Amino acid sequence: MLEKLIAGLRQDYMETIERSAGRFITALEKADFQVPGFLTQDGIYGEKVAPRLAKGDKVAYFIVDALRYEMGLELVEGLKAESNVTVGP
């Protein structure tokens, strides 16, 4: 009996995830793949790195995928004492 309940819940979960992903993709397509307020990877250098370099600052930046986000936060903790460190999406 418990196995049937779990199987049903898993099926419901998968259907919900599929509907959510489909709606997200549709919305993203309608928005021409633009998400206001979020910096895209191709904008990082121009908006974040180049201005700091122009001021003569030393800059290092890492692009980290979502699966390694926690590791990036650990790196940030280790660098905070010596550097100005920021994390962003």
Protein backbone atom coordinates (compact mmCIF):
# COMPACT_ATOMS: atom_id res chain seq x y z
CA MET A 1 0.00 0.00 0.00
CA LEU A 2 2.78 2.43 0.91
CA GLU A 3 4.59 1.57 -2.32
CA LYS A 4 1.51 2.52 -4.38
CA LEU A 5 1.25 5.83 -2.54
CA ILE A 6 4.91 6.61 -3.15
CA ALA A 7 4.63 5.63 -6.84
CA GLY A 8 1.58 7.90 -7.22
CA LEU A 9 3.36 10.80 -5.55
CA ARG A 10 6.40 10.35 -7.76
CA GLN A 11 4.18 10.36 -10.84
CA ASP A 12 2.40 13.53 -9.67
CA TYR A 13 5.76 15.15 -8.96
CA MET A 14 7.12 14.33 -12.42
CA GLU A 15 3.99 15.68 -14.11
CA THR A 16 4.20 18.88 -12.07
CA ILE A 17 7.87 19.35 -12.94
CA GLU A 18 7.17 18.77 -16.64
CA ARG A 19 4.35 21.34 -16.63
CA SER A 20 6.47 23.85 -14.74
CA ALA A 21 9.43 23.42 -17.08
CA GLY A 22 7.17 23.77 -20.11
CA ARG A 23 5.64 26.98 -18.81
CA PHE A 24 9.06 28.36 -17.93
CA ILE A 25 10.39 27.63 -21.42
CA THR A 26 7.32 29.22 -23.01
CA ALA A 27 7.69 32.36 -20.89
CA LEU A 28 11.40 32.58 -21.62
CA GLU A 29 10.76 32.26 -25.37
CA LYS A 30 8.07 34.98 -25.23
CA ALA A 31 10.55 37.25 -23.43
CA ASP A 32 13.10 36.64 -26.21
CA PHE A 33 15.30 34.88 -23.67
CA GLN A 34 15.82 38.11 -21.72
CA VAL A 35 15.44 38.16 -17.93
CA PRO A 36 15.42 41.76 -16.69
CA GLY A 37 17.64 42.39 -13.70
CA PHE A 38 19.97 39.44 -14.31
CA LEU A 39 23.43 39.85 -15.74
CA THR A 40 24.16 37.46 -18.59
CA GLN A 41 27.50 35.71 -18.97
CA ASP A 42 28.37 37.80 -22.01
CA GLY A 43 27.82 40.98 -20.00
CA ILE A 44 30.00 40.13 -17.02
CA TYR A 45 33.25 41.44 -18.44
CA GLY A 46 31.85 44.74 -19.69
CA GLU A 47 29.76 45.51 -16.62
CA LYS A 48 31.83 44.10 -13.79
CA VAL A 49 35.43 43.44 -14.82
CA ALA A 50 36.38 46.15 -17.33
CA PRO A 51 35.40 49.11 -15.11
CA ARG A 52 37.54 47.75 -12.25
CA LEU A 53 40.49 47.17 -14.57
CA ALA A 54 40.12 50.71 -15.93
CA LYS A 55 40.53 51.97 -12.35
CA GLY A 56 43.72 49.92 -12.01
CA ASP A 57 42.23 47.30 -9.70
CA LYS A 58 43.39 43.71 -9.81
CA VAL A 59 40.47 41.48 -10.73
CA ALA A 60 39.82 37.76 -10.82
CA TYR A 61 36.44 36.30 -11.60
CA PHE A 62 35.06 32.79 -11.66
CA ILE A 63 32.03 31.55 -13.56
CA VAL A 64 30.64 28.67 -11.56
CA ASP A 65 27.73 26.47 -12.55
CA ALA A 66 24.81 25.91 -10.20
CA LEU A 67 26.00 22.46 -9.21
CA ARG A 68 29.14 23.99 -7.71
CA TYR A 69 27.54 27.00 -6.05
CA GLU A 70 28.22 25.75 -2.53
CA MET A 71 31.87 25.21 -3.36
CA GLY A 72 32.01 28.78 -4.66
CA LEU A 73 30.59 30.03 -1.38
CA GLU A 74 33.31 28.16 0.49
CA LEU A 75 35.91 29.85 -1.72
CA VAL A 76 34.34 33.24 -0.98
CA GLU A 77 34.58 32.60 2.76
CA GLY A 78 38.27 31.83 2.38
CA LEU A 79 38.95 35.00 0.38
CA LYS A 80 36.85 37.52 2.35
CA ALA A 81 39.58 38.39 4.84
CA GLU A 82 42.04 39.38 2.10
CA SER A 83 39.84 40.66 -0.73
CA ASN A 84 36.63 42.41 -1.71
CA VAL A 85 34.53 39.43 -2.81
CA THR A 86 31.01 39.35 -4.25
CA VAL A 87 28.72 36.54 -5.36
CA GLY A 88 25.91 37.00 -7.86
CA PRO A 89 23.66 35.06 -10.19
